[in-house]
N, C-alpha and C. Protein backbone atom coordinates (compact mmCIF):
# COMPACT_ATOMS: atom_id res chain seq x y z
N MET A 1 4.04 4.01 -13.11
CA MET A 1 4.28 4.10 -11.68
C MET A 1 5.54 4.92 -11.43
N SER A 2 5.69 5.40 -10.26
CA SER A 2 6.81 6.28 -9.96
C SER A 2 8.16 5.60 -10.13
N ASP A 3 8.21 4.30 -9.92
CA ASP A 3 9.48 3.59 -10.09
C ASP A 3 9.53 2.80 -11.40
N GLY A 4 8.52 2.96 -12.23
CA GLY A 4 8.38 2.17 -13.44
C GLY A 4 9.49 2.35 -14.47
N ALA A 5 9.91 3.59 -14.69
CA ALA A 5 10.93 3.83 -15.70
C ALA A 5 12.25 3.14 -15.33
N ALA A 6 12.62 3.22 -14.07
CA ALA A 6 13.88 2.59 -13.65
C ALA A 6 13.77 1.06 -13.75
N LYS A 7 12.65 0.49 -13.30
CA LYS A 7 12.47 -0.96 -13.40
C LYS A 7 12.51 -1.42 -14.86
N LEU A 8 11.84 -0.68 -15.71
CA LEU A 8 11.81 -1.03 -17.12
C LEU A 8 13.20 -0.91 -17.74
N HIS A 9 13.93 0.11 -17.39
CA HIS A 9 15.29 0.30 -17.90
C HIS A 9 16.17 -0.91 -17.57
N TYR A 10 16.16 -1.32 -16.33
CA TYR A 10 17.00 -2.44 -15.92
C TYR A 10 16.52 -3.76 -16.51
N LEU A 11 15.22 -3.90 -16.68
CA LEU A 11 14.68 -5.11 -17.30
C LEU A 11 15.13 -5.21 -18.76
N LEU A 12 15.04 -4.12 -19.49
CA LEU A 12 15.36 -4.14 -20.91
C LEU A 12 16.86 -4.22 -21.19
N GLU A 13 17.66 -4.03 -20.19
CA GLU A 13 19.10 -4.24 -20.36
C GLU A 13 19.46 -5.72 -20.40
N LEU A 14 18.57 -6.58 -19.92
CA LEU A 14 18.83 -8.02 -19.87
C LEU A 14 18.51 -8.68 -21.21
N PRO A 15 19.23 -9.74 -21.57
CA PRO A 15 18.89 -10.49 -22.78
C PRO A 15 17.49 -11.09 -22.63
N ALA A 16 16.66 -10.94 -23.67
CA ALA A 16 15.26 -11.34 -23.59
C ALA A 16 15.06 -12.83 -23.32
N ASP A 17 16.03 -13.66 -23.64
CA ASP A 17 15.88 -15.09 -23.39
C ASP A 17 16.61 -15.57 -22.15
N SER A 18 17.09 -14.62 -21.35
CA SER A 18 17.84 -15.00 -20.15
C SER A 18 16.90 -15.35 -19.00
N PRO A 19 17.33 -16.22 -18.08
CA PRO A 19 16.51 -16.52 -16.89
C PRO A 19 16.22 -15.26 -16.07
N ALA A 20 17.17 -14.35 -16.00
CA ALA A 20 16.97 -13.13 -15.23
C ALA A 20 15.84 -12.29 -15.82
N PHE A 21 15.83 -12.14 -17.15
CA PHE A 21 14.78 -11.37 -17.83
C PHE A 21 13.42 -12.02 -17.58
N LEU A 22 13.34 -13.33 -17.81
CA LEU A 22 12.07 -14.04 -17.65
C LEU A 22 11.56 -13.95 -16.20
N HIS A 23 12.46 -14.09 -15.25
CA HIS A 23 12.08 -13.97 -13.84
C HIS A 23 11.56 -12.57 -13.54
N ASP A 24 12.29 -11.55 -13.99
CA ASP A 24 11.89 -10.18 -13.69
C ASP A 24 10.57 -9.81 -14.36
N VAL A 25 10.32 -10.32 -15.56
CA VAL A 25 9.03 -10.07 -16.21
C VAL A 25 7.91 -10.72 -15.40
N GLU A 26 8.14 -11.97 -14.99
CA GLU A 26 7.11 -12.68 -14.23
C GLU A 26 6.82 -11.98 -12.90
N THR A 27 7.87 -11.57 -12.19
CA THR A 27 7.64 -10.93 -10.89
C THR A 27 7.15 -9.49 -11.05
N GLY A 28 7.28 -8.94 -12.25
CA GLY A 28 6.79 -7.59 -12.51
C GLY A 28 5.30 -7.52 -12.75
N THR A 29 4.66 -8.67 -12.89
CA THR A 29 3.21 -8.70 -13.05
C THR A 29 2.59 -9.15 -11.74
N PRO A 30 1.47 -8.56 -11.36
CA PRO A 30 0.89 -8.84 -10.04
C PRO A 30 0.04 -10.10 -9.99
N PHE A 31 -0.05 -10.84 -11.08
CA PHE A 31 -1.05 -11.90 -11.16
C PHE A 31 -0.84 -13.06 -10.20
N ALA A 32 0.39 -13.50 -10.00
CA ALA A 32 0.60 -14.64 -9.10
C ALA A 32 0.19 -14.28 -7.68
N ARG A 33 0.48 -13.06 -7.26
CA ARG A 33 0.15 -12.64 -5.90
C ARG A 33 -1.29 -12.18 -5.78
N ASN A 34 -1.79 -11.52 -6.82
CA ASN A 34 -3.13 -10.93 -6.80
C ASN A 34 -3.92 -11.32 -8.04
N PRO A 35 -4.29 -12.59 -8.17
CA PRO A 35 -4.97 -13.01 -9.40
C PRO A 35 -6.34 -12.36 -9.61
N LEU A 36 -7.00 -11.95 -8.54
CA LEU A 36 -8.30 -11.31 -8.71
C LEU A 36 -8.21 -10.01 -9.51
N TYR A 37 -7.06 -9.35 -9.42
CA TYR A 37 -6.87 -8.12 -10.19
C TYR A 37 -7.16 -8.37 -11.67
N ALA A 38 -6.66 -9.47 -12.19
CA ALA A 38 -6.82 -9.77 -13.61
C ALA A 38 -8.27 -10.04 -13.99
N ILE A 39 -9.00 -10.77 -13.14
CA ILE A 39 -10.35 -11.12 -13.56
C ILE A 39 -11.37 -10.01 -13.34
N VAL A 40 -11.11 -9.07 -12.45
CA VAL A 40 -12.08 -7.98 -12.24
C VAL A 40 -11.63 -6.67 -12.88
N HIS A 41 -10.48 -6.65 -13.52
CA HIS A 41 -9.93 -5.40 -14.05
C HIS A 41 -10.90 -4.69 -14.98
N GLU A 42 -11.36 -5.37 -16.02
CA GLU A 42 -12.28 -4.71 -16.95
C GLU A 42 -13.64 -4.48 -16.31
N ALA A 43 -14.10 -5.40 -15.48
CA ALA A 43 -15.41 -5.28 -14.87
C ALA A 43 -15.54 -4.00 -14.05
N CYS A 44 -14.45 -3.54 -13.46
CA CYS A 44 -14.55 -2.34 -12.62
C CYS A 44 -14.78 -1.08 -13.46
N TYR A 45 -14.68 -1.19 -14.78
CA TYR A 45 -14.96 -0.05 -15.66
C TYR A 45 -16.27 -0.25 -16.43
N ALA A 46 -16.95 -1.35 -16.23
CA ALA A 46 -18.15 -1.69 -17.01
C ALA A 46 -19.35 -0.96 -16.45
N ASP A 47 -19.68 0.15 -17.02
CA ASP A 47 -20.78 0.97 -16.54
C ASP A 47 -22.03 0.73 -17.40
N GLY A 48 -22.73 -0.38 -17.10
CA GLY A 48 -23.95 -0.69 -17.83
C GLY A 48 -23.70 -1.35 -19.17
N CYS A 49 -22.73 -2.25 -19.25
CA CYS A 49 -22.42 -2.90 -20.53
C CYS A 49 -21.73 -4.24 -20.32
N VAL A 50 -21.52 -4.93 -21.41
CA VAL A 50 -20.69 -6.14 -21.44
C VAL A 50 -19.31 -5.68 -21.90
N THR A 51 -18.27 -6.05 -21.17
CA THR A 51 -16.93 -5.62 -21.60
C THR A 51 -16.45 -6.42 -22.79
N GLY A 52 -16.73 -7.72 -22.81
CA GLY A 52 -16.36 -8.55 -23.95
C GLY A 52 -14.90 -8.47 -24.32
N TRP A 53 -14.04 -8.41 -23.31
CA TRP A 53 -12.59 -8.27 -23.54
C TRP A 53 -12.30 -7.00 -24.35
N SER A 54 -12.78 -5.87 -23.85
CA SER A 54 -12.65 -4.62 -24.58
C SER A 54 -11.21 -4.22 -24.86
N ALA A 55 -10.30 -4.51 -23.94
CA ALA A 55 -8.89 -4.15 -24.18
C ALA A 55 -8.38 -4.82 -25.45
N GLU A 56 -8.76 -6.07 -25.65
CA GLU A 56 -8.34 -6.80 -26.85
C GLU A 56 -9.10 -6.31 -28.09
N ARG A 57 -10.40 -6.15 -27.96
CA ARG A 57 -11.22 -5.75 -29.11
C ARG A 57 -10.86 -4.38 -29.64
N LEU A 58 -10.51 -3.47 -28.74
CA LEU A 58 -10.27 -2.09 -29.13
C LEU A 58 -8.80 -1.75 -29.34
N LEU A 59 -7.93 -2.73 -29.21
CA LEU A 59 -6.50 -2.49 -29.41
C LEU A 59 -6.23 -2.15 -30.88
N PRO A 60 -5.68 -0.98 -31.15
CA PRO A 60 -5.37 -0.63 -32.54
C PRO A 60 -4.37 -1.63 -33.14
N ALA A 61 -4.55 -1.93 -34.40
CA ALA A 61 -3.70 -2.92 -35.08
C ALA A 61 -2.22 -2.60 -34.92
N GLU A 62 -1.86 -1.33 -34.94
CA GLU A 62 -0.45 -0.97 -34.84
C GLU A 62 0.16 -1.28 -33.47
N PHE A 63 -0.68 -1.57 -32.48
CA PHE A 63 -0.19 -1.95 -31.15
C PHE A 63 -0.19 -3.45 -30.94
N ASN A 64 -0.66 -4.20 -31.90
CA ASN A 64 -0.76 -5.64 -31.76
C ASN A 64 0.58 -6.31 -32.05
N SER A 65 1.52 -6.08 -31.17
CA SER A 65 2.86 -6.64 -31.30
C SER A 65 3.37 -7.00 -29.92
N SER A 66 4.01 -8.15 -29.81
CA SER A 66 4.48 -8.59 -28.49
C SER A 66 5.58 -7.71 -27.93
N GLU A 67 6.20 -6.89 -28.75
CA GLU A 67 7.27 -6.01 -28.26
C GLU A 67 6.73 -4.73 -27.62
N LEU A 68 5.48 -4.43 -27.84
CA LEU A 68 4.90 -3.19 -27.33
C LEU A 68 4.17 -3.44 -26.01
N MET A 69 4.18 -2.44 -25.17
CA MET A 69 3.52 -2.55 -23.87
C MET A 69 2.20 -1.80 -23.92
N THR A 70 1.22 -2.34 -23.24
CA THR A 70 -0.11 -1.75 -23.29
C THR A 70 -0.64 -1.42 -21.90
N GLY A 71 0.22 -0.99 -21.03
CA GLY A 71 -0.20 -0.53 -19.71
C GLY A 71 -0.81 -1.62 -18.87
N GLU A 72 -1.93 -1.32 -18.28
CA GLU A 72 -2.57 -2.24 -17.33
C GLU A 72 -3.58 -3.18 -17.99
N HIS A 73 -3.67 -3.19 -19.28
CA HIS A 73 -4.69 -4.01 -19.94
C HIS A 73 -4.51 -5.49 -19.63
N VAL A 74 -5.64 -6.18 -19.56
CA VAL A 74 -5.66 -7.62 -19.34
C VAL A 74 -6.33 -8.24 -20.56
N TYR A 75 -5.69 -9.27 -21.10
CA TYR A 75 -6.17 -9.92 -22.32
C TYR A 75 -6.52 -11.38 -22.04
N PRO A 76 -7.42 -11.97 -22.86
CA PRO A 76 -7.79 -13.38 -22.63
C PRO A 76 -6.60 -14.33 -22.72
N TRP A 77 -5.64 -14.04 -23.57
CA TRP A 77 -4.48 -14.95 -23.71
C TRP A 77 -3.68 -15.07 -22.42
N MET A 78 -3.78 -14.07 -21.55
CA MET A 78 -3.05 -14.10 -20.29
C MET A 78 -3.53 -15.26 -19.40
N PHE A 79 -4.79 -15.65 -19.58
CA PHE A 79 -5.34 -16.74 -18.78
C PHE A 79 -4.88 -18.11 -19.28
N GLU A 80 -4.17 -18.11 -20.38
CA GLU A 80 -3.50 -19.32 -20.87
C GLU A 80 -2.01 -19.26 -20.56
N ASP A 81 -1.41 -18.08 -20.75
CA ASP A 81 0.04 -17.93 -20.61
C ASP A 81 0.53 -17.85 -19.17
N TYR A 82 -0.23 -17.24 -18.29
CA TYR A 82 0.19 -17.06 -16.90
C TYR A 82 -0.38 -18.21 -16.06
N SER A 83 0.50 -19.02 -15.51
CA SER A 83 0.05 -20.20 -14.78
C SER A 83 -0.87 -19.85 -13.61
N ALA A 84 -0.63 -18.72 -12.95
CA ALA A 84 -1.46 -18.33 -11.82
C ALA A 84 -2.89 -18.00 -12.25
N LEU A 85 -3.07 -17.67 -13.52
CA LEU A 85 -4.40 -17.29 -14.00
C LEU A 85 -5.17 -18.44 -14.65
N ARG A 86 -4.48 -19.49 -15.03
CA ARG A 86 -5.15 -20.61 -15.74
C ARG A 86 -6.39 -21.12 -15.01
N PRO A 87 -6.34 -21.34 -13.69
CA PRO A 87 -7.54 -21.85 -13.01
C PRO A 87 -8.71 -20.87 -13.04
N LEU A 88 -8.45 -19.62 -13.37
CA LEU A 88 -9.49 -18.59 -13.36
C LEU A 88 -10.02 -18.25 -14.75
N ALA A 89 -9.58 -18.96 -15.77
CA ALA A 89 -9.95 -18.63 -17.15
C ALA A 89 -11.46 -18.67 -17.36
N ALA A 90 -12.11 -19.69 -16.88
CA ALA A 90 -13.57 -19.79 -17.08
C ALA A 90 -14.30 -18.65 -16.35
N ALA A 91 -13.86 -18.33 -15.15
CA ALA A 91 -14.48 -17.23 -14.40
C ALA A 91 -14.25 -15.91 -15.12
N ALA A 92 -13.06 -15.71 -15.65
CA ALA A 92 -12.77 -14.48 -16.38
C ALA A 92 -13.65 -14.35 -17.61
N GLU A 93 -13.86 -15.46 -18.30
CA GLU A 93 -14.73 -15.43 -19.49
C GLU A 93 -16.17 -15.11 -19.10
N LEU A 94 -16.65 -15.69 -18.01
CA LEU A 94 -18.01 -15.37 -17.54
C LEU A 94 -18.15 -13.88 -17.23
N LEU A 95 -17.16 -13.33 -16.56
CA LEU A 95 -17.22 -11.90 -16.22
C LEU A 95 -17.13 -11.03 -17.47
N ALA A 96 -16.34 -11.44 -18.44
CA ALA A 96 -16.19 -10.66 -19.68
C ALA A 96 -17.49 -10.64 -20.49
N GLN A 97 -18.32 -11.67 -20.34
CA GLN A 97 -19.57 -11.75 -21.11
C GLN A 97 -20.79 -11.30 -20.30
N ARG A 98 -20.58 -10.93 -19.06
CA ARG A 98 -21.70 -10.54 -18.19
C ARG A 98 -22.18 -9.13 -18.54
N GLU A 99 -23.48 -8.95 -18.51
CA GLU A 99 -24.08 -7.62 -18.67
C GLU A 99 -24.04 -6.95 -17.30
N TRP A 100 -23.22 -5.93 -17.17
CA TRP A 100 -23.05 -5.26 -15.89
C TRP A 100 -24.06 -4.14 -15.73
N PRO A 101 -24.55 -3.93 -14.50
CA PRO A 101 -25.46 -2.80 -14.27
C PRO A 101 -24.66 -1.49 -14.28
N ARG A 102 -25.39 -0.39 -14.26
CA ARG A 102 -24.74 0.91 -14.16
C ARG A 102 -23.99 0.96 -12.83
N LEU A 103 -22.75 1.44 -12.87
CA LEU A 103 -21.95 1.55 -11.65
C LEU A 103 -22.12 2.91 -10.98
N TYR A 104 -22.37 3.91 -11.79
CA TYR A 104 -22.40 5.27 -11.27
C TYR A 104 -23.74 5.92 -11.64
N ASP A 105 -24.29 6.62 -10.70
CA ASP A 105 -25.53 7.35 -10.93
C ASP A 105 -25.17 8.82 -10.99
N GLY A 106 -25.02 9.32 -12.22
CA GLY A 106 -24.61 10.70 -12.42
C GLY A 106 -25.54 11.71 -11.78
N GLU A 107 -26.85 11.44 -11.83
CA GLU A 107 -27.80 12.35 -11.21
C GLU A 107 -27.60 12.41 -9.70
N GLN A 108 -27.39 11.24 -9.09
CA GLN A 108 -27.16 11.22 -7.64
C GLN A 108 -25.87 11.94 -7.28
N LEU A 109 -24.82 11.69 -8.06
CA LEU A 109 -23.55 12.38 -7.80
C LEU A 109 -23.70 13.89 -7.94
N SER A 110 -24.55 14.35 -8.86
CA SER A 110 -24.73 15.79 -9.04
C SER A 110 -25.48 16.43 -7.89
N ARG A 111 -26.10 15.60 -7.03
CA ARG A 111 -26.80 16.10 -5.83
C ARG A 111 -25.96 15.92 -4.57
N ASN A 112 -24.71 15.57 -4.72
CA ASN A 112 -23.86 15.31 -3.56
C ASN A 112 -23.85 16.49 -2.59
N GLN A 113 -23.96 16.18 -1.31
CA GLN A 113 -23.87 17.20 -0.27
C GLN A 113 -22.80 16.85 0.75
N VAL A 114 -22.08 15.79 0.50
CA VAL A 114 -21.05 15.32 1.43
C VAL A 114 -19.70 15.91 1.02
N PRO A 115 -19.01 16.57 1.93
CA PRO A 115 -17.67 17.06 1.58
C PRO A 115 -16.77 15.90 1.13
N ALA A 116 -16.08 16.10 0.05
CA ALA A 116 -15.23 15.05 -0.49
C ALA A 116 -14.01 15.67 -1.14
N ALA A 117 -12.98 14.86 -1.32
CA ALA A 117 -11.75 15.33 -1.96
C ALA A 117 -11.19 14.21 -2.81
N ALA A 118 -10.45 14.60 -3.84
CA ALA A 118 -9.84 13.62 -4.74
C ALA A 118 -8.49 14.16 -5.22
N ALA A 119 -7.56 13.24 -5.36
CA ALA A 119 -6.27 13.59 -5.96
C ALA A 119 -6.36 13.30 -7.45
N VAL A 120 -5.89 14.23 -8.24
CA VAL A 120 -5.78 14.02 -9.68
C VAL A 120 -4.30 14.17 -10.01
N TYR A 121 -3.72 13.08 -10.51
CA TYR A 121 -2.30 13.09 -10.87
C TYR A 121 -2.19 13.60 -12.30
N SER A 122 -1.62 14.77 -12.46
CA SER A 122 -1.61 15.43 -13.77
C SER A 122 -0.85 14.65 -14.83
N GLU A 123 0.09 13.82 -14.42
CA GLU A 123 0.89 13.06 -15.39
C GLU A 123 0.56 11.57 -15.37
N ASP A 124 -0.61 11.20 -14.89
CA ASP A 124 -1.00 9.80 -14.79
C ASP A 124 -1.16 9.21 -16.20
N MET A 125 -0.38 8.18 -16.50
CA MET A 125 -0.45 7.61 -17.84
C MET A 125 -1.63 6.66 -18.02
N TYR A 126 -2.34 6.34 -16.95
CA TYR A 126 -3.47 5.43 -17.05
C TYR A 126 -4.82 6.12 -16.99
N VAL A 127 -4.87 7.31 -16.44
CA VAL A 127 -6.14 8.03 -16.27
C VAL A 127 -5.99 9.41 -16.90
N GLU A 128 -6.84 9.69 -17.88
CA GLU A 128 -6.80 10.99 -18.54
C GLU A 128 -7.19 12.09 -17.55
N ARG A 129 -6.32 13.05 -17.41
CA ARG A 129 -6.56 14.15 -16.49
C ARG A 129 -7.88 14.84 -16.79
N GLU A 130 -8.16 15.07 -18.07
CA GLU A 130 -9.39 15.77 -18.45
C GLU A 130 -10.64 15.02 -17.98
N PHE A 131 -10.61 13.69 -18.03
CA PHE A 131 -11.76 12.91 -17.58
C PHE A 131 -11.94 13.04 -16.07
N SER A 132 -10.84 13.02 -15.34
CA SER A 132 -10.91 13.19 -13.88
C SER A 132 -11.46 14.56 -13.53
N GLU A 133 -11.00 15.57 -14.23
CA GLU A 133 -11.47 16.94 -13.94
C GLU A 133 -12.94 17.11 -14.32
N GLU A 134 -13.34 16.51 -15.42
CA GLU A 134 -14.75 16.56 -15.84
C GLU A 134 -15.64 15.90 -14.78
N THR A 135 -15.23 14.76 -14.30
CA THR A 135 -15.99 14.06 -13.26
C THR A 135 -16.05 14.90 -12.00
N ALA A 136 -14.93 15.48 -11.60
CA ALA A 136 -14.88 16.30 -10.39
C ALA A 136 -15.82 17.50 -10.48
N ARG A 137 -15.87 18.14 -11.66
CA ARG A 137 -16.77 19.29 -11.83
C ARG A 137 -18.23 18.90 -11.69
N ALA A 138 -18.57 17.67 -11.95
CA ALA A 138 -19.96 17.21 -11.89
C ALA A 138 -20.41 16.85 -10.48
N ILE A 139 -19.50 16.87 -9.52
CA ILE A 139 -19.83 16.47 -8.14
C ILE A 139 -19.68 17.67 -7.21
N PRO A 140 -20.80 18.27 -6.81
CA PRO A 140 -20.72 19.40 -5.89
C PRO A 140 -20.02 19.00 -4.58
N GLY A 141 -19.23 19.90 -4.07
CA GLY A 141 -18.55 19.65 -2.81
C GLY A 141 -17.27 18.84 -2.93
N LEU A 142 -16.94 18.41 -4.14
CA LEU A 142 -15.69 17.65 -4.32
C LEU A 142 -14.55 18.63 -4.58
N ARG A 143 -13.57 18.59 -3.72
CA ARG A 143 -12.39 19.44 -3.87
C ARG A 143 -11.27 18.61 -4.47
N VAL A 144 -10.59 19.18 -5.44
CA VAL A 144 -9.55 18.45 -6.18
C VAL A 144 -8.17 18.96 -5.79
N TRP A 145 -7.30 18.03 -5.57
CA TRP A 145 -5.87 18.32 -5.41
C TRP A 145 -5.21 17.85 -6.70
N LEU A 146 -4.90 18.79 -7.57
CA LEU A 146 -4.21 18.48 -8.82
C LEU A 146 -2.72 18.53 -8.53
N THR A 147 -2.04 17.42 -8.76
CA THR A 147 -0.62 17.36 -8.42
C THR A 147 0.19 16.61 -9.47
N SER A 148 1.41 17.06 -9.65
CA SER A 148 2.36 16.35 -10.51
C SER A 148 3.42 15.65 -9.65
N GLU A 149 3.22 15.65 -8.34
CA GLU A 149 4.19 15.04 -7.42
C GLU A 149 4.16 13.52 -7.47
N TYR A 150 3.04 12.95 -7.91
CA TYR A 150 2.87 11.50 -7.87
C TYR A 150 2.41 10.97 -9.21
N ASP A 151 2.65 9.70 -9.41
CA ASP A 151 2.15 9.00 -10.58
C ASP A 151 0.96 8.15 -10.15
N HIS A 152 0.56 7.26 -11.00
CA HIS A 152 -0.63 6.43 -10.79
C HIS A 152 -0.59 5.69 -9.45
N ASN A 153 0.58 5.40 -8.95
CA ASN A 153 0.70 4.63 -7.70
C ASN A 153 0.92 5.53 -6.49
N GLY A 154 0.37 6.71 -6.52
CA GLY A 154 0.58 7.66 -5.43
C GLY A 154 0.26 7.12 -4.05
N LEU A 155 -0.86 6.42 -3.91
CA LEU A 155 -1.22 5.90 -2.60
C LEU A 155 -0.22 4.86 -2.10
N ARG A 156 0.31 4.04 -3.00
CA ARG A 156 1.32 3.06 -2.58
C ARG A 156 2.64 3.75 -2.28
N ALA A 157 2.95 4.80 -3.01
CA ALA A 157 4.23 5.48 -2.83
C ALA A 157 4.26 6.35 -1.58
N ASP A 158 3.14 7.00 -1.26
CA ASP A 158 3.14 7.95 -0.14
C ASP A 158 1.72 8.12 0.40
N GLY A 159 1.08 7.00 0.70
CA GLY A 159 -0.32 7.00 1.09
C GLY A 159 -0.66 7.87 2.28
N GLY A 160 0.17 7.84 3.30
CA GLY A 160 -0.12 8.65 4.50
C GLY A 160 -0.21 10.13 4.17
N ARG A 161 0.74 10.63 3.42
CA ARG A 161 0.74 12.06 3.08
C ARG A 161 -0.45 12.41 2.20
N ILE A 162 -0.74 11.56 1.22
CA ILE A 162 -1.85 11.84 0.31
C ILE A 162 -3.18 11.81 1.06
N LEU A 163 -3.39 10.78 1.87
CA LEU A 163 -4.65 10.71 2.63
C LEU A 163 -4.79 11.89 3.60
N ASP A 164 -3.72 12.27 4.26
CA ASP A 164 -3.78 13.45 5.15
C ASP A 164 -4.21 14.68 4.37
N ARG A 165 -3.63 14.87 3.20
CA ARG A 165 -3.97 16.04 2.36
C ARG A 165 -5.44 16.00 1.95
N LEU A 166 -5.92 14.83 1.53
CA LEU A 166 -7.32 14.72 1.08
C LEU A 166 -8.30 14.90 2.23
N ILE A 167 -7.99 14.34 3.39
CA ILE A 167 -8.86 14.52 4.55
C ILE A 167 -8.92 15.99 4.94
N HIS A 168 -7.79 16.64 4.91
CA HIS A 168 -7.74 18.09 5.21
C HIS A 168 -8.60 18.86 4.20
N LEU A 169 -8.46 18.56 2.91
CA LEU A 169 -9.27 19.24 1.89
C LEU A 169 -10.75 19.02 2.12
N ALA A 170 -11.15 17.79 2.41
CA ALA A 170 -12.56 17.49 2.60
C ALA A 170 -13.16 18.18 3.82
N HIS A 171 -12.36 18.34 4.86
CA HIS A 171 -12.87 18.95 6.11
C HIS A 171 -12.69 20.45 6.17
N ASN A 172 -11.98 21.03 5.23
CA ASN A 172 -11.72 22.46 5.26
C ASN A 172 -12.06 23.11 3.92
N PRO A 173 -13.34 23.20 3.60
CA PRO A 173 -13.73 23.80 2.33
C PRO A 173 -13.28 25.27 2.26
N ALA A 174 -12.99 25.68 1.08
CA ALA A 174 -12.48 27.05 0.87
C ALA A 174 -13.57 28.08 1.06
């Protein structure tokens, strides 16, 4: 996120066993305020499959350390460790084992006739730029704004400006 490096810097300056560190780590996760984020996180990427806790299953052994950060991944142990998530553990397990239908119809998207626009953040640490560009090329009429001005949280950081730019792109084809 655009403010992530500074937040992380100040967090890591604190002693790991201090109340301040523990408080800041807890408030740095969105789960207490937005618990649904944790239970639907993997499901929103499940395109015709069972996720089966894919973030945990596919984590390389060299990253399996509590000192390392793994971005936005959600793991089953979080539903035990985070008190806000404990009541949702059974629901999360059901969703992780559910066979999800296809989310995207590539053939339909390739027939798109609706003007559309998308922002691609060139330095987004969560979304590979190449995948975004590949998807954009497959959708006729989709205009891309490739920018390094924002990080993954662009809409939260400057939503009005970004939406204005995208609406303008969609309504004013080149």
